[in-house]
Amino acid sequence: SIVEHLQKKGFTIENKPNAKLSDEMYDELIKEFSSSIAVKEKADH
């Protein structure tokens, strides 16, 4: 899901576990998937 989203946004990334994400990529993912973070935090509690 991460790779697919980043590729749609014009980033080049391979679907390999050790692929490196730049700060720009990471910021884009935080914007897109922030709701998933909230769900995980709620589940952890």
PDB file of all heavy atoms in Angstrom:
ATOM      1  N   SER A   1       0.832  -1.203   0.000  1.00  0.00           N
ATOM      2  CA  SER A   1       0.000   0.000   0.000  1.00  0.00           C
ATOM      3  C   SER A   1       0.866   1.252   0.000  1.00  0.00           C
ATOM      4  O   SER A   1       0.562   2.232  -0.687  1.00  0.00           O
ATOM      5  CB  SER A   1      -0.911   0.038   1.228  1.00  0.00           C
ATOM      6  OG  SER A   1      -1.806  -1.039   1.216  1.00  0.00           O
ATOM      7  N   ILE A   2       1.944   1.219   0.760  1.00  0.00           N
ATOM      8  CA  ILE A   2       2.863   2.358   0.819  1.00  0.00           C
ATOM      9  C   ILE A   2       3.518   2.570  -0.543  1.00  0.00           C
ATOM     10  O   ILE A   2       3.544   3.689  -1.060  1.00  0.00           O
ATOM     11  CB  ILE A   2       3.926   2.136   1.909  1.00  0.00           C
ATOM     12  CG1 ILE A   2       3.274   2.283   3.290  1.00  0.00           C
ATOM     13  CG2 ILE A   2       5.090   3.110   1.739  1.00  0.00           C
ATOM     14  CD1 ILE A   2       4.193   1.975   4.444  1.00  0.00           C
ATOM     15  N   VAL A   3       4.043   1.496  -1.126  1.00  0.00           N
ATOM     16  CA  VAL A   3       4.724   1.596  -2.418  1.00  0.00           C
ATOM     17  C   VAL A   3       3.757   2.106  -3.481  1.00  0.00           C
ATOM     18  O   VAL A   3       4.084   3.007  -4.255  1.00  0.00           O
ATOM     19  CB  VAL A   3       5.336   0.241  -2.822  1.00  0.00           C
ATOM     20  CG1 VAL A   3       5.828   0.263  -4.262  1.00  0.00           C
ATOM     21  CG2 VAL A   3       6.466  -0.129  -1.874  1.00  0.00           C
ATOM     22  N   GLU A   4       2.554   1.564  -3.505  1.00  0.00           N
ATOM     23  CA  GLU A   4       1.554   1.970  -4.491  1.00  0.00           C
ATOM     24  C   GLU A   4       1.223   3.454  -4.346  1.00  0.00           C
ATOM     25  O   GLU A   4       1.164   4.189  -5.335  1.00  0.00           O
ATOM     26  CB  GLU A   4       0.293   1.129  -4.302  1.00  0.00           C
ATOM     27  CG  GLU A   4      -0.774   1.378  -5.337  1.00  0.00           C
ATOM     28  CD  GLU A   4      -1.976   0.466  -5.119  1.00  0.00           C
ATOM     29  OE1 GLU A   4      -1.775  -0.746  -4.933  1.00  0.00           O
ATOM     30  OE2 GLU A   4      -3.103   0.973  -5.122  1.00  0.00           O
ATOM     31  N   HIS A   5       1.025   3.907  -3.118  1.00  0.00           N
ATOM     32  CA  HIS A   5       0.694   5.315  -2.888  1.00  0.00           C
ATOM     33  C   HIS A   5       1.839   6.223  -3.332  1.00  0.00           C
ATOM     34  O   HIS A   5       1.615   7.233  -3.997  1.00  0.00           O
ATOM     35  CB  HIS A   5       0.362   5.561  -1.418  1.00  0.00           C
ATOM     36  CG  HIS A   5       0.132   7.000  -1.107  1.00  0.00           C
ATOM     37  ND1 HIS A   5      -1.015   7.658  -1.495  1.00  0.00           N
ATOM     38  CD2 HIS A   5       0.907   7.920  -0.485  1.00  0.00           C
ATOM     39  CE1 HIS A   5      -0.930   8.922  -1.113  1.00  0.00           C
ATOM     40  NE2 HIS A   5       0.232   9.101  -0.494  1.00  0.00           N
ATOM     41  N   LEU A   6       3.066   5.868  -2.953  1.00  0.00           N
ATOM     42  CA  LEU A   6       4.213   6.703  -3.314  1.00  0.00           C
ATOM     43  C   LEU A   6       4.426   6.753  -4.821  1.00  0.00           C
ATOM     44  O   LEU A   6       4.761   7.798  -5.373  1.00  0.00           O
ATOM     45  CB  LEU A   6       5.478   6.207  -2.611  1.00  0.00           C
ATOM     46  CG  LEU A   6       5.536   6.463  -1.110  1.00  0.00           C
ATOM     47  CD1 LEU A   6       6.773   5.804  -0.502  1.00  0.00           C
ATOM     48  CD2 LEU A   6       5.520   7.952  -0.795  1.00  0.00           C
ATOM     49  N   GLN A   7       4.202   5.636  -5.497  1.00  0.00           N
ATOM     50  CA  GLN A   7       4.357   5.620  -6.947  1.00  0.00           C
ATOM     51  C   GLN A   7       3.303   6.488  -7.619  1.00  0.00           C
ATOM     52  O   GLN A   7       3.594   7.180  -8.596  1.00  0.00           O
ATOM     53  CB  GLN A   7       4.319   4.188  -7.472  1.00  0.00           C
ATOM     54  CG  GLN A   7       5.581   3.421  -7.129  1.00  0.00           C
ATOM     55  CD  GLN A   7       5.538   1.959  -7.516  1.00  0.00           C
ATOM     56  OE1 GLN A   7       4.466   1.395  -7.751  1.00  0.00           O
ATOM     57  NE2 GLN A   7       6.706   1.323  -7.568  1.00  0.00           N
ATOM     58  N   LYS A   8       2.087   6.502  -7.086  1.00  0.00           N
ATOM     59  CA  LYS A   8       1.037   7.371  -7.623  1.00  0.00           C
ATOM     60  C   LYS A   8       1.397   8.844  -7.453  1.00  0.00           C
ATOM     61  O   LYS A   8       1.006   9.689  -8.251  1.00  0.00           O
ATOM     62  CB  LYS A   8      -0.302   7.099  -6.926  1.00  0.00           C
ATOM     63  CG  LYS A   8      -0.988   5.849  -7.376  1.00  0.00           C
ATOM     64  CD  LYS A   8      -2.312   5.680  -6.665  1.00  0.00           C
ATOM     65  CE  LYS A   8      -2.968   4.368  -7.027  1.00  0.00           C
ATOM     66  NZ  LYS A   8      -4.219   4.143  -6.261  1.00  0.00           N
ATOM     67  N   LYS A   9       2.144   9.145  -6.391  1.00  0.00           N
ATOM     68  CA  LYS A   9       2.557  10.521  -6.122  1.00  0.00           C
ATOM     69  C   LYS A   9       3.829  10.903  -6.869  1.00  0.00           C
ATOM     70  O   LYS A   9       4.328  12.007  -6.715  1.00  0.00           O
ATOM     71  CB  LYS A   9       2.764  10.737  -4.616  1.00  0.00           C
ATOM     72  CG  LYS A   9       1.491  10.672  -3.821  1.00  0.00           C
ATOM     73  CD  LYS A   9       0.595  11.846  -4.175  1.00  0.00           C
ATOM     74  CE  LYS A   9      -0.641  11.864  -3.321  1.00  0.00           C
ATOM     75  NZ  LYS A   9      -1.463  13.036  -3.539  1.00  0.00           N
ATOM     76  N   GLY A  10       4.377   9.982  -7.678  1.00  0.00           N
ATOM     77  CA  GLY A  10       5.519  10.296  -8.513  1.00  0.00           C
ATOM     78  C   GLY A  10       6.875   9.911  -7.941  1.00  0.00           C
ATOM     79  O   GLY A  10       7.908  10.212  -8.543  1.00  0.00           O
ATOM     80  N   PHE A  11       6.892   9.243  -6.806  1.00  0.00           N
ATOM     81  CA  PHE A  11       8.154   8.794  -6.217  1.00  0.00           C
ATOM     82  C   PHE A  11       8.566   7.462  -6.844  1.00  0.00           C
ATOM     83  O   PHE A  11       7.721   6.687  -7.277  1.00  0.00           O
ATOM     84  CB  PHE A  11       8.019   8.600  -4.703  1.00  0.00           C
ATOM     85  CG  PHE A  11       7.802   9.881  -3.946  1.00  0.00           C
ATOM     86  CD1 PHE A  11       6.536  10.219  -3.492  1.00  0.00           C
ATOM     87  CD2 PHE A  11       8.853  10.739  -3.685  1.00  0.00           C
ATOM     88  CE1 PHE A  11       6.321  11.392  -2.782  1.00  0.00           C
ATOM     89  CE2 PHE A  11       8.654  11.914  -2.979  1.00  0.00           C
ATOM     90  CZ  PHE A  11       7.388  12.246  -2.530  1.00  0.00           C
ATOM     91  N   THR A  12       9.862   7.201  -6.866  1.00  0.00           N
ATOM     92  CA  THR A  12      10.385   5.932  -7.359  1.00  0.00           C
ATOM     93  C   THR A  12      10.843   5.116  -6.159  1.00  0.00           C
ATOM     94  O   THR A  12      11.724   5.548  -5.412  1.00  0.00           O
ATOM     95  CB  THR A  12      11.572   6.168  -8.311  1.00  0.00           C
ATOM     96  OG1 THR A  12      11.141   6.994  -9.383  1.00  0.00           O
ATOM     97  CG2 THR A  12      12.097   4.852  -8.847  1.00  0.00           C
ATOM     98  N   ILE A  13      10.211   3.954  -5.971  1.00  0.00           N
ATOM     99  CA  ILE A  13      10.568   3.085  -4.850  1.00  0.00           C
ATOM    100  C   ILE A  13      10.242   1.644  -5.227  1.00  0.00           C
ATOM    101  O   ILE A  13       9.266   1.387  -5.931  1.00  0.00           O
ATOM    102  CB  ILE A  13       9.831   3.479  -3.548  1.00  0.00           C
ATOM    103  CG1 ILE A  13      10.325   2.636  -2.378  1.00  0.00           C
ATOM    104  CG2 ILE A  13       8.340   3.436  -3.715  1.00  0.00           C
ATOM    105  CD1 ILE A  13       9.897   3.128  -1.024  1.00  0.00           C
ATOM    106  N   GLU A  14      11.078   0.724  -4.781  1.00  0.00           N
ATOM    107  CA  GLU A  14      10.849  -0.693  -5.025  1.00  0.00           C
ATOM    108  C   GLU A  14      10.151  -1.301  -3.815  1.00  0.00           C
ATOM    109  O   GLU A  14      10.344  -0.849  -2.687  1.00  0.00           O
ATOM    110  CB  GLU A  14      12.174  -1.417  -5.245  1.00  0.00           C
ATOM    111  CG  GLU A  14      12.908  -0.985  -6.493  1.00  0.00           C
ATOM    112  CD  GLU A  14      14.193  -1.768  -6.681  1.00  0.00           C
ATOM    113  OE1 GLU A  14      14.150  -3.007  -6.590  1.00  0.00           O
ATOM    114  OE2 GLU A  14      15.224  -1.119  -6.895  1.00  0.00           O
ATOM    115  N   ASN A  15       9.359  -2.336  -4.043  1.00  0.00           N
ATOM    116  CA  ASN A  15       8.657  -3.008  -2.949  1.00  0.00           C
ATOM    117  C   ASN A  15       9.579  -4.055  -2.328  1.00  0.00           C
ATOM    118  O   ASN A  15       9.389  -5.251  -2.479  1.00  0.00           O
ATOM    119  CB  ASN A  15       7.356  -3.642  -3.443  1.00  0.00           C
ATOM    120  CG  ASN A  15       6.471  -4.067  -2.296  1.00  0.00           C
ATOM    121  OD1 ASN A  15       6.806  -3.887  -1.132  1.00  0.00           O
ATOM    122  ND2 ASN A  15       5.327  -4.631  -2.623  1.00  0.00           N
ATOM    123  N   LYS A  16      10.597  -3.557  -1.642  1.00  0.00           N
ATOM    124  CA  LYS A  16      11.548  -4.411  -0.921  1.00  0.00           C
ATOM    125  C   LYS A  16      11.565  -3.935   0.521  1.00  0.00           C
ATOM    126  O   LYS A  16      11.579  -2.728   0.774  1.00  0.00           O
ATOM    127  CB  LYS A  16      12.944  -4.300  -1.524  1.00  0.00           C
ATOM    128  CG  LYS A  16      13.027  -4.850  -2.934  1.00  0.00           C
ATOM    129  CD  LYS A  16      14.442  -4.792  -3.450  1.00  0.00           C
ATOM    130  CE  LYS A  16      14.512  -5.399  -4.842  1.00  0.00           C
ATOM    131  NZ  LYS A  16      15.879  -5.354  -5.373  1.00  0.00           N
ATOM    132  N   PRO A  17      11.579  -4.837   1.489  1.00  0.00           N
ATOM    133  CA  PRO A  17      11.500  -4.445   2.904  1.00  0.00           C
ATOM    134  C   PRO A  17      12.560  -3.436   3.338  1.00  0.00           C
ATOM    135  O   PRO A  17      12.282  -2.570   4.158  1.00  0.00           O
ATOM    136  CB  PRO A  17      11.685  -5.761   3.651  1.00  0.00           C
ATOM    137  CG  PRO A  17      11.271  -6.810   2.684  1.00  0.00           C
ATOM    138  CD  PRO A  17      11.620  -6.286   1.325  1.00  0.00           C
ATOM    139  N   ASN A  18      13.756  -3.526   2.786  1.00  0.00           N
ATOM    140  CA  ASN A  18      14.825  -2.618   3.205  1.00  0.00           C
ATOM    141  C   ASN A  18      14.964  -1.391   2.319  1.00  0.00           C
ATOM    142  O   ASN A  18      15.945  -0.656   2.430  1.00  0.00           O
ATOM    143  CB  ASN A  18      16.158  -3.357   3.289  1.00  0.00           C
ATOM    144  CG  ASN A  18      16.160  -4.346   4.437  1.00  0.00           C
ATOM    145  OD1 ASN A  18      15.569  -4.092   5.478  1.00  0.00           O
ATOM    146  ND2 ASN A  18      16.800  -5.474   4.242  1.00  0.00           N
ATOM    147  N   ALA A  19      13.978  -1.140   1.447  1.00  0.00           N
ATOM    148  CA  ALA A  19      14.010   0.062   0.610  1.00  0.00           C
ATOM    149  C   ALA A  19      14.000   1.287   1.516  1.00  0.00           C
ATOM    150  O   ALA A  19      13.318   1.317   2.537  1.00  0.00           O
ATOM    151  CB  ALA A  19      12.812   0.081  -0.333  1.00  0.00           C
ATOM    152  N   LYS A  20      14.778   2.290   1.149  1.00  0.00           N
ATOM    153  CA  LYS A  20      14.891   3.494   1.966  1.00  0.00           C
ATOM    154  C   LYS A  20      13.868   4.537   1.528  1.00  0.00           C
ATOM    155  O   LYS A  20      13.637   4.744   0.345  1.00  0.00           O
ATOM    156  CB  LYS A  20      16.301   4.092   1.856  1.00  0.00           C
ATOM    157  CG  LYS A  20      17.386   3.162   2.350  1.00  0.00           C
ATOM    158  CD  LYS A  20      17.275   2.925   3.837  1.00  0.00           C
ATOM    159  CE  LYS A  20      18.386   2.000   4.317  1.00  0.00           C
ATOM    160  NZ  LYS A  20      18.143   1.515   5.648  1.00  0.00           N
ATOM    161  N   LEU A  21      13.271   5.192   2.514  1.00  0.00           N
ATOM    162  CA  LEU A  21      12.314   6.268   2.255  1.00  0.00           C
ATOM    163  C   LEU A  21      12.974   7.600   2.590  1.00  0.00           C
ATOM    164  O   LEU A  21      13.554   7.754   3.661  1.00  0.00           O
ATOM    165  CB  LEU A  21      11.074   6.104   3.139  1.00  0.00           C
ATOM    166  CG  LEU A  21      10.284   4.812   2.999  1.00  0.00           C
ATOM    167  CD1 LEU A  21       9.183   4.759   4.044  1.00  0.00           C
ATOM    168  CD2 LEU A  21       9.697   4.708   1.619  1.00  0.00           C
ATOM    169  N   SER A  22      12.840   8.555   1.687  1.00  0.00           N
ATOM    170  CA  SER A  22      13.381   9.891   1.949  1.00  0.00           C
ATOM    171  C   SER A  22      12.441  10.621   2.918  1.00  0.00           C
ATOM    172  O   SER A  22      11.320  10.165   3.193  1.00  0.00           O
ATOM    173  CB  SER A  22      13.483  10.680   0.646  1.00  0.00           C
ATOM    174  OG  SER A  22      12.181  10.972   0.150  1.00  0.00           O
ATOM    175  N   ASP A  23      12.901  11.753   3.411  1.00  0.00           N
ATOM    176  CA  ASP A  23      12.064  12.555   4.313  1.00  0.00           C
ATOM    177  C   ASP A  23      10.787  13.012   3.608  1.00  0.00           C
ATOM    178  O   ASP A  23       9.716  13.044   4.213  1.00  0.00           O
ATOM    179  CB  ASP A  23      12.837  13.769   4.829  1.00  0.00           C
ATOM    180  CG  ASP A  23      13.926  13.380   5.812  1.00  0.00           C
ATOM    181  OD1 ASP A  23      13.832  12.296   6.423  1.00  0.00           O
ATOM    182  OD2 ASP A  23      14.875  14.172   5.975  1.00  0.00           O
ATOM    183  N   GLU A  24      10.893  13.348   2.317  1.00  0.00           N
ATOM    184  CA  GLU A  24       9.710  13.757   1.548  1.00  0.00           C
ATOM    185  C   GLU A  24       8.697  12.616   1.463  1.00  0.00           C
ATOM    186  O   GLU A  24       7.494  12.833   1.622  1.00  0.00           O
ATOM    187  CB  GLU A  24      10.106  14.164   0.133  1.00  0.00           C
ATOM    188  CG  GLU A  24      10.786  15.498   0.016  1.00  0.00           C
ATOM    189  CD  GLU A  24      11.090  15.810  -1.436  1.00  0.00           C
ATOM    190  OE1 GLU A  24      10.139  15.986  -2.213  1.00  0.00           O
ATOM    191  OE2 GLU A  24      12.294  15.855  -1.770  1.00  0.00           O
ATOM    192  N   MET A  25       9.185  11.424   1.193  1.00  0.00           N
ATOM    193  CA  MET A  25       8.305  10.254   1.114  1.00  0.00           C
ATOM    194  C   MET A  25       7.623  10.024   2.458  1.00  0.00           C
ATOM    195  O   MET A  25       6.416   9.791   2.520  1.00  0.00           O
ATOM    196  CB  MET A  25       9.097   9.001   0.736  1.00  0.00           C
ATOM    197  CG  MET A  25       9.625   8.971  -0.651  1.00  0.00           C
ATOM    198  SD  MET A  25      10.609   7.458  -0.856  1.00  0.00           S
ATOM    199  CE  MET A  25      11.088   7.600  -2.552  1.00  0.00           C
ATOM    200  N   TYR A  26       8.401  10.080   3.524  1.00  0.00           N
ATOM    201  CA  TYR A  26       7.863   9.838   4.859  1.00  0.00           C
ATOM    202  C   TYR A  26       6.796  10.870   5.211  1.00  0.00           C
ATOM    203  O   TYR A  26       5.731  10.516   5.729  1.00  0.00           O
ATOM    204  CB  TYR A  26       9.004   9.859   5.884  1.00  0.00           C
ATOM    205  CG  TYR A  26       8.556   9.484   7.272  1.00  0.00           C
ATOM    206  CD1 TYR A  26       8.301   8.156   7.597  1.00  0.00           C
ATOM    207  CD2 TYR A  26       8.376  10.450   8.252  1.00  0.00           C
ATOM    208  CE1 TYR A  26       7.883   7.796   8.871  1.00  0.00           C
ATOM    209  CE2 TYR A  26       7.959  10.106   9.526  1.00  0.00           C
ATOM    210  CZ  TYR A  26       7.715   8.780   9.826  1.00  0.00           C
ATOM    211  OH  TYR A  26       7.294   8.438  11.084  1.00  0.00           O
ATOM    212  N   ASP A  27       7.048  12.139   4.908  1.00  0.00           N
ATOM    213  CA  ASP A  27       6.065  13.195   5.185  1.00  0.00           C
ATOM    214  C   ASP A  27       4.764  12.953   4.422  1.00  0.00           C
ATOM    215  O   ASP A  27       3.673  13.144   4.954  1.00  0.00           O
ATOM    216  CB  ASP A  27       6.632  14.568   4.831  1.00  0.00           C
ATOM    217  CG  ASP A  27       7.755  14.999   5.767  1.00  0.00           C
ATOM    218  OD1 ASP A  27       7.882  14.412   6.870  1.00  0.00           O
ATOM    219  OD2 ASP A  27       8.509  15.916   5.386  1.00  0.00           O
ATOM    220  N   GLU A  28       4.877  12.521   3.182  1.00  0.00           N
ATOM    221  CA  GLU A  28       3.689  12.213   2.371  1.00  0.00           C
ATOM    222  C   GLU A  28       2.904  11.064   2.993  1.00  0.00           C
ATOM    223  O   GLU A  28       1.678  11.092   3.059  1.00  0.00           O
ATOM    224  CB  GLU A  28       4.109  11.867   0.940  1.00  0.00           C
ATOM    225  CG  GLU A  28       2.979  11.399   0.053  1.00  0.00           C
ATOM    226  CD  GLU A  28       1.860  12.426  -0.115  1.00  0.00           C
ATOM    227  OE1 GLU A  28       2.154  13.635  -0.202  1.00  0.00           O
ATOM    228  OE2 GLU A  28       0.682  12.012  -0.149  1.00  0.00           O
ATOM    229  N   LEU A  29       3.603  10.057   3.480  1.00  0.00           N
ATOM    230  CA  LEU A  29       2.942   8.906   4.094  1.00  0.00           C
ATOM    231  C   LEU A  29       2.247   9.303   5.395  1.00  0.00           C
ATOM    232  O   LEU A  29       1.138   8.824   5.671  1.00  0.00           O
ATOM    233  CB  LEU A  29       3.953   7.786   4.355  1.00  0.00           C
ATOM    234  CG  LEU A  29       4.539   7.148   3.097  1.00  0.00           C
ATOM    235  CD1 LEU A  29       5.659   6.199   3.466  1.00  0.00           C
ATOM    236  CD2 LEU A  29       3.460   6.439   2.292  1.00  0.00           C
ATOM    237  N   ILE A  30       2.856  10.169   6.167  1.00  0.00           N
ATOM    238  CA  ILE A  30       2.225  10.634   7.407  1.00  0.00           C
ATOM    239  C   ILE A  30       0.923  11.357   7.086  1.00  0.00           C
ATOM    240  O   ILE A  30      -0.102  11.138   7.733  1.00  0.00           O
ATOM    241  CB  ILE A  30       3.180  11.566   8.197  1.00  0.00           C
ATOM    242  CG1 ILE A  30       4.386  10.784   8.700  1.00  0.00           C
ATOM    243  CG2 ILE A  30       2.459  12.247   9.348  1.00  0.00           C
ATOM    244  CD1 ILE A  30       4.066   9.701   9.704  1.00  0.00           C
ATOM    245  N   LYS A  31       0.942  12.204   6.060  1.00  0.00           N
ATOM    246  CA  LYS A  31      -0.285  12.915   5.663  1.00  0.00           C
ATOM    247  C   LYS A  31      -1.374  11.937   5.230  1.00  0.00           C
ATOM    248  O   LYS A  31      -2.526  12.080   5.601  1.00  0.00           O
ATOM    249  CB  LYS A  31       0.001  13.886   4.516  1.00  0.00           C
ATOM    250  CG  LYS A  31       0.729  15.135   4.939  1.00  0.00           C
ATOM    251  CD  LYS A  31       0.728  16.179   3.853  1.00  0.00           C
ATOM    252  CE  LYS A  31       1.592  15.760   2.689  1.00  0.00           C
ATOM    253  NZ  LYS A  31       1.802  16.796   1.674  1.00  0.00           N
ATOM    254  N   GLU A  32      -0.984  10.950   4.439  1.00  0.00           N
ATOM    255  CA  GLU A  32      -1.963  10.021   3.871  1.00  0.00           C
ATOM    256  C   GLU A  32      -2.495   9.016   4.889  1.00  0.00           C
ATOM    257  O   GLU A  32      -3.685   8.711   4.903  1.00  0.00           O
ATOM    258  CB  GLU A  32      -1.326   9.262   2.690  1.00  0.00           C
ATOM    259  CG  GLU A  32      -2.234   8.253   2.035  1.00  0.00           C
ATOM    260  CD  GLU A  32      -3.430   8.864   1.319  1.00  0.00           C
ATOM    261  OE1 GLU A  32      -3.394  10.064   0.989  1.00  0.00           O
ATOM    262  OE2 GLU A  32      -4.409   8.129   1.095  1.00  0.00           O
ATOM    263  N   PHE A  33      -1.635   8.486   5.733  1.00  0.00           N
ATOM    264  CA  PHE A  33      -2.018   7.381   6.600  1.00  0.00           C
ATOM    265  C   PHE A  33      -2.112   7.752   8.074  1.00  0.00           C
ATOM    266  O   PHE A  33      -2.052   6.880   8.942  1.00  0.00           O
ATOM    267  CB  PHE A  33      -1.040   6.210   6.415  1.00  0.00           C
ATOM    268  CG  PHE A  33      -1.052   5.639   5.020  1.00  0.00           C
ATOM    269  CD1 PHE A  33       0.027   5.825   4.174  1.00  0.00           C
ATOM    270  CD2 PHE A  33      -2.144   4.924   4.553  1.00  0.00           C
ATOM    271  CE1 PHE A  33       0.029   5.309   2.889  1.00  0.00           C
ATOM    272  CE2 PHE A  33      -2.152   4.402   3.274  1.00  0.00           C
ATOM    273  CZ  PHE A  33      -1.073   4.594   2.437  1.00  0.00           C
ATOM    274  N   SER A  34      -2.285   9.020   8.383  1.00  0.00           N
ATOM    275  CA  SER A  34      -2.355   9.435   9.793  1.00  0.00           C
ATOM    276  C   SER A  34      -3.530   8.788  10.522  1.00  0.00           C
ATOM    277  O   SER A  34      -3.441   8.504  11.716  1.00  0.00           O
ATOM    278  CB  SER A  34      -2.425  10.957   9.902  1.00  0.00           C
ATOM    279  OG  SER A  34      -3.565  11.451   9.255  1.00  0.00           O
ATOM    280  N   SER A  35      -4.617   8.513   9.812  1.00  0.00           N
ATOM    281  CA  SER A  35      -5.759   7.860  10.463  1.00  0.00           C
ATOM    282  C   SER A  35      -5.411   6.435  10.883  1.00  0.00           C
ATOM    283  O   SER A  35      -5.886   5.951  11.908  1.00  0.00           O
ATOM    284  CB  SER A  35      -6.972   7.851   9.531  1.00  0.00           C
ATOM    285  OG  SER A  35      -6.701   7.104   8.365  1.00  0.00           O
ATOM    286  N   SER A  36      -4.550   5.759  10.128  1.00  0.00           N
ATOM    287  CA  SER A  36      -4.128   4.406  10.493  1.00  0.00           C
ATOM    288  C   SER A  36      -3.292   4.418  11.767  1.00  0.00           C
ATOM    289  O   SER A  36      -3.354   3.489  12.565  1.00  0.00           O
ATOM    290  CB  SER A  36      -3.315   3.775   9.364  1.00  0.00           C
ATOM    291  OG  SER A  36      -4.118   3.599   8.225  1.00  0.00           O
ATOM    292  N   ILE A  37      -2.530   5.472  11.952  1.00  0.00           N
ATOM    293  CA  ILE A  37      -1.738   5.607  13.172  1.00  0.00           C
ATOM    294  C   ILE A  37      -2.665   5.719  14.371  1.00  0.00           C
ATOM    295  O   ILE A  37      -2.452   5.086  15.404  1.00  0.00           O
ATOM    296  CB  ILE A  37      -0.816   6.837  13.094  1.00  0.00           C
ATOM    297  CG1 ILE A  37       0.220   6.664  11.988  1.00  0.00           C
ATOM    298  CG2 ILE A  37      -0.095   7.067  14.425  1.00  0.00           C
ATOM    299  CD1 ILE A  37       1.025   7.918  11.700  1.00  0.00           C
ATOM    300  N   ALA A  38      -3.724   6.516  14.230  1.00  0.00           N
ATOM    301  CA  ALA A  38      -4.674   6.701  15.326  1.00  0.00           C
ATOM    302  C   ALA A  38      -5.361   5.382  15.677  1.00  0.00           C
ATOM    303  O   ALA A  38      -5.550   5.069  16.852  1.00  0.00           O
ATOM    304  CB  ALA A  38      -5.706   7.754  14.947  1.00  0.00           C
ATOM    305  N   VAL A  39      -5.721   4.603  14.685  1.00  0.00           N
ATOM    306  CA  VAL A  39      -6.369   3.314  14.917  1.00  0.00           C
ATOM    307  C   VAL A  39      -5.414   2.380  15.662  1.00  0.00           C
ATOM    308  O   VAL A  39      -5.809   1.695  16.614  1.00  0.00           O
ATOM    309  CB  VAL A  39      -6.817   2.671  13.582  1.00  0.00           C
ATOM    310  CG1 VAL A  39      -7.236   1.228  13.780  1.00  0.00           C
ATOM    311  CG2 VAL A  39      -7.946   3.482  12.968  1.00  0.00           C
ATOM    312  N   LYS A  40      -4.152   2.356  15.258  1.00  0.00           N
ATOM    313  CA  LYS A  40      -3.172   1.490  15.908  1.00  0.00           C
ATOM    314  C   LYS A  40      -2.973   1.899  17.364  1.00  0.00           C
ATOM    315  O   LYS A  40      -2.937   1.050  18.249  1.00  0.00           O
ATOM    316  CB  LYS A  40      -1.836   1.540  15.172  1.00  0.00           C
ATOM    317  CG  LYS A  40      -0.805   0.619  15.782  1.00  0.00           C
ATOM    318  CD  LYS A  40       0.513   0.661  15.051  1.00  0.00           C
ATOM    319  CE  LYS A  40       1.479  -0.289  15.726  1.00  0.00           C
ATOM    320  NZ  LYS A  40       2.818  -0.171  15.246  1.00  0.00           N
ATOM    321  N   GLU A  41      -2.869   3.202  17.626  1.00  0.00           N
ATOM    322  CA  GLU A  41      -2.683   3.668  18.998  1.00  0.00           C
ATOM    323  C   GLU A  41      -3.881   3.304  19.870  1.00  0.00           C
ATOM    324  O   GLU A  41      -3.723   2.896  21.016  1.00  0.00           O
ATOM    325  CB  GLU A  41      -2.446   5.174  19.022  1.00  0.00           C
ATOM    326  CG  GLU A  41      -1.080   5.559  18.512  1.00  0.00           C
ATOM    327  CD  GLU A  41      -0.868   7.058  18.453  1.00  0.00           C
ATOM    328  OE1 GLU A  41      -1.801   7.824  18.803  1.00  0.00           O
ATOM    329  OE2 GLU A  41       0.239   7.467  18.056  1.00  0.00           O
ATOM    330  N   LYS A  42      -5.082   3.424  19.323  1.00  0.00           N
ATOM    331  CA  LYS A  42      -6.284   3.069  20.056  1.00  0.00           C
ATOM    332  C   LYS A  42      -6.289   1.566  20.364  1.00  0.00           C
ATOM    333  O   LYS A  42      -6.612   1.155  21.488  1.00  0.00           O
ATOM    334  CB  LYS A  42      -7.524   3.456  19.258  1.00  0.00           C
ATOM    335  CG  LYS A  42      -8.812   3.343  20.007  1.00  0.00           C
ATOM    336  CD  LYS A  42      -9.976   3.882  19.190  1.00  0.00           C
ATOM    337  CE  LYS A  42     -11.260   3.787  19.964  1.00  0.00           C
ATOM    338  NZ  LYS A  42     -12.400   4.328  19.204  1.00  0.00           N
ATOM    339  N   ALA A  43      -5.915   0.761  19.402  1.00  0.00           N
ATOM    340  CA  ALA A  43      -5.882  -0.689  19.589  1.00  0.00           C
ATOM    341  C   ALA A  43      -4.829  -1.096  20.615  1.00  0.00           C
ATOM    342  O   ALA A  43      -5.025  -2.038  21.382  1.00  0.00           O
ATOM    343  CB  ALA A  43      -5.617  -1.387  18.266  1.00  0.00           C
ATOM    344  N   ASP A  44      -3.718  -0.375  20.636  1.00  0.00           N
ATOM    345  CA  ASP A  44      -2.654  -0.679  21.590  1.00  0.00           C
ATOM    346  C   ASP A  44      -3.105  -0.474  23.039  1.00  0.00           C
ATOM    347  O   ASP A  44      -2.580  -1.092  23.949  1.00  0.00           O
ATOM    348  CB  ASP A  44      -1.414   0.167  21.330  1.00  0.00           C
ATOM    349  CG  ASP A  44      -0.664  -0.279  20.064  1.00  0.00           C
ATOM    350  OD1 ASP A  44      -0.937  -1.400  19.583  1.00  0.00           O
ATOM    351  OD2 ASP A  44       0.187   0.497  19.600  1.00  0.00           O
ATOM    352  N   HIS A  45      -4.093   0.394  23.246  1.00  0.00           N
ATOM    353  CA  HIS A  45      -4.562   0.698  24.591  1.00  0.00           C
ATOM    354  C   HIS A  45      -5.709  -0.208  25.065  1.00  0.00           C
ATOM    355  O   HIS A  45      -6.097  -0.123  26.217  1.00  0.00           O
ATOM    356  CB  HIS A  45      -4.989   2.160  24.691  1.00  0.00           C
ATOM    357  CG  HIS A  45      -3.843   3.114  24.524  1.00  0.00           C
ATOM    358  ND1 HIS A  45      -2.768   3.177  25.389  1.00  0.00           N
ATOM    359  CD2 HIS A  45      -3.589   4.039  23.569  1.00  0.00           C
ATOM    360  CE1 HIS A  45      -1.925   4.086  24.981  1.00  0.00           C
ATOM    361  NE2 HIS A  45      -2.378   4.638  23.877  1.00  0.00           N
TER     362      HIS A  45
END
